[in-house]
Amino acid sequence: MANKYAAKGVTFGYGSPLVTVASVKSISGPKLSAEQIDVTTHDSSGSYREFVQSFKDSGEVTLNLVYDPSDTTQGNSTGLLSLFNSGAVTAMAISYPMTSPVKKLTFTGIVIGYEWGNAEISSALEATVTVKVSGAVTLA
């Protein structure tokens, strides 16, 4: 029977050595996909189209943060905002510490979006960060 895990404790990190981003509320992605090429010919059997896989895309990762302007992992000097401003391709990982041994999705990526959320009177300051994965994602 397959194990089941609560998502509590999952982390996102960047750089080498890995720096864990503070105050992450949620992580979504990456979403792997592949282009397909239609290779249907007049003699394809059964009147069905045929396809082969082409280039793969590792998609994007979205982080929802409780925004802390003074936190170095989120900020402009060394954090995610700095990675957005520089455009640097950086080593990144999503860690699942509840598994034994700990599993990680590792990849390189670029920060392509940094959005500050609404400053509503009854909610926390938030930010959303979008990372474009460059190349393959490895689960180890």
Protein backbone atom coordinates (compact mmCIF):
# COMPACT_ATOMS: atom_id res chain seq x y z
CA MET A 1 0.00 0.00 0.00
CA ALA A 2 1.28 3.47 -0.89
CA ASN A 3 2.36 5.89 1.83
CA LYS A 4 0.46 9.13 2.31
CA TYR A 5 1.98 12.36 3.61
CA ALA A 6 0.79 15.73 4.83
CA ALA A 7 2.48 18.57 2.92
CA LYS A 8 3.54 20.34 6.16
CA GLY A 9 7.27 21.00 6.17
CA VAL A 10 7.89 21.06 2.41
CA THR A 11 10.56 23.64 1.60
CA PHE A 12 11.85 25.54 -1.43
CA GLY A 13 15.49 26.49 -1.72
CA TYR A 14 17.90 28.09 -4.17
CA GLY A 15 21.64 28.43 -4.69
CA SER A 16 24.64 26.34 -3.80
CA PRO A 17 24.68 25.63 -0.94
CA LEU A 18 20.90 25.54 -0.84
CA VAL A 19 19.27 28.49 0.97
CA THR A 20 15.75 27.75 2.24
CA VAL A 21 13.18 30.48 1.49
CA ALA A 22 11.37 31.67 4.62
CA SER A 23 7.61 31.90 5.15
CA VAL A 24 6.43 29.83 2.18
CA LYS A 25 2.67 29.20 2.36
CA SER A 26 2.35 27.03 -0.73
CA ILE A 27 4.36 25.59 -3.60
CA SER A 28 2.80 24.49 -6.88
CA GLY A 29 4.50 22.84 -9.81
CA PRO A 30 6.52 21.98 -11.65
CA LYS A 31 4.18 20.66 -14.32
CA LEU A 32 5.99 18.51 -16.86
CA SER A 33 4.72 18.40 -20.43
CA ALA A 34 5.91 17.39 -23.87
CA GLU A 35 5.23 18.56 -27.38
CA GLN A 36 3.96 15.96 -29.77
CA ILE A 37 4.54 15.55 -33.48
CA ASP A 38 1.84 14.13 -35.72
CA VAL A 39 3.41 11.28 -37.72
CA THR A 40 0.15 10.02 -39.24
CA THR A 41 0.51 8.71 -42.77
CA HIS A 42 -1.89 7.46 -45.40
CA ASP A 43 -1.05 3.90 -44.40
CA SER A 44 -1.52 4.39 -40.62
CA SER A 45 -3.65 1.52 -39.35
CA GLY A 46 -7.18 1.86 -38.04
CA SER A 47 -7.76 5.44 -39.21
CA TYR A 48 -6.17 6.79 -36.03
CA ARG A 49 -3.61 9.55 -35.84
CA GLU A 50 -0.15 8.60 -34.59
CA PHE A 51 2.20 10.76 -32.54
CA VAL A 52 5.75 10.80 -31.22
CA GLN A 53 7.05 12.85 -28.36
CA SER A 54 9.20 15.89 -29.10
CA PHE A 55 10.71 18.53 -26.79
CA LYS A 56 9.85 18.42 -23.11
CA ASP A 57 9.07 21.41 -20.88
CA SER A 58 9.45 21.33 -17.10
CA GLY A 59 7.01 24.19 -16.64
CA GLU A 60 6.92 26.62 -13.75
CA VAL A 61 6.96 26.62 -9.97
CA THR A 62 4.81 29.13 -8.08
CA LEU A 63 5.55 30.12 -4.49
CA ASN A 64 3.04 31.94 -2.30
CA LEU A 65 4.88 33.71 0.52
CA VAL A 66 3.97 35.57 3.66
CA TYR A 67 5.99 38.61 2.60
CA ASP A 68 8.66 39.91 4.96
CA PRO A 69 10.49 42.94 3.50
CA SER A 70 13.42 42.38 5.86
CA ASP A 71 13.91 38.68 5.09
CA THR A 72 17.11 38.05 3.12
CA THR A 73 15.69 35.00 1.29
CA GLN A 74 12.86 37.07 -0.18
CA GLY A 75 14.61 40.37 -0.68
CA ASN A 76 16.52 42.50 -3.13
CA SER A 77 20.12 41.98 -2.01
CA THR A 78 20.45 38.17 -1.92
CA GLY A 79 16.94 36.71 -2.16
CA LEU A 80 14.35 35.83 -4.75
CA LEU A 81 13.87 39.46 -5.78
CA SER A 82 17.62 39.66 -6.40
CA LEU A 83 17.37 36.55 -8.62
CA PHE A 84 14.53 38.20 -10.54
CA ASN A 85 16.54 41.39 -11.05
CA SER A 86 19.69 39.54 -12.17
CA GLY A 87 17.99 36.94 -14.37
CA ALA A 88 20.51 34.39 -13.10
CA VAL A 89 19.93 30.70 -13.86
CA THR A 90 20.15 29.15 -10.40
CA ALA A 91 20.10 25.70 -8.80
CA MET A 92 16.79 25.15 -6.98
CA ALA A 93 15.08 22.40 -5.03
CA ILE A 94 11.78 21.44 -3.45
CA SER A 95 12.42 19.21 -0.42
CA TYR A 96 10.01 16.72 1.10
CA PRO A 97 11.41 16.18 4.62
CA MET A 98 8.58 13.91 5.73
CA THR A 99 9.84 11.09 3.51
CA SER A 100 12.57 8.72 4.60
CA PRO A 101 15.03 9.19 3.11
CA VAL A 102 14.27 12.86 2.31
CA LYS A 103 13.27 13.29 -1.34
CA LYS A 104 14.06 16.39 -3.40
CA LEU A 105 13.00 17.72 -6.76
CA THR A 106 16.10 19.47 -8.10
CA PHE A 107 16.34 21.72 -11.14
CA THR A 108 17.75 24.97 -12.45
CA GLY A 109 15.46 27.91 -12.94
CA ILE A 110 15.03 31.62 -13.40
CA VAL A 111 12.70 33.86 -11.40
CA ILE A 112 10.32 35.29 -14.01
CA GLY A 113 7.73 36.90 -11.75
CA TYR A 114 7.56 38.62 -8.36
CA GLU A 115 4.17 40.00 -7.39
CA TRP A 116 3.23 41.68 -4.15
CA GLY A 117 -0.28 40.81 -3.04
CA ASN A 118 -3.05 43.07 -1.83
CA ALA A 119 -2.43 44.73 1.52
CA GLU A 120 -5.85 43.97 2.95
CA ILE A 121 -6.74 45.09 6.43
CA SER A 122 -7.60 41.59 7.66
CA SER A 123 -4.85 39.52 6.04
CA ALA A 124 -1.11 38.98 5.97
CA LEU A 125 1.18 40.72 3.49
CA GLU A 126 1.84 38.22 0.72
CA ALA A 127 3.94 37.86 -2.40
CA THR A 128 3.81 35.39 -5.29
CA VAL A 129 7.01 34.31 -6.99
CA THR A 130 7.11 32.46 -10.31
CA VAL A 131 10.09 30.38 -11.39
CA LYS A 132 10.57 29.04 -14.94
CA VAL A 133 12.32 25.69 -14.81
CA SER A 134 15.20 25.43 -17.28
CA GLY A 135 16.01 21.87 -18.30
CA ALA A 136 15.03 18.63 -16.58
CA VAL A 137 13.66 18.06 -13.09
CA THR A 138 15.26 15.27 -11.07
CA LEU A 139 13.61 13.41 -8.19
CA ALA A 140 16.17 11.86 -5.86
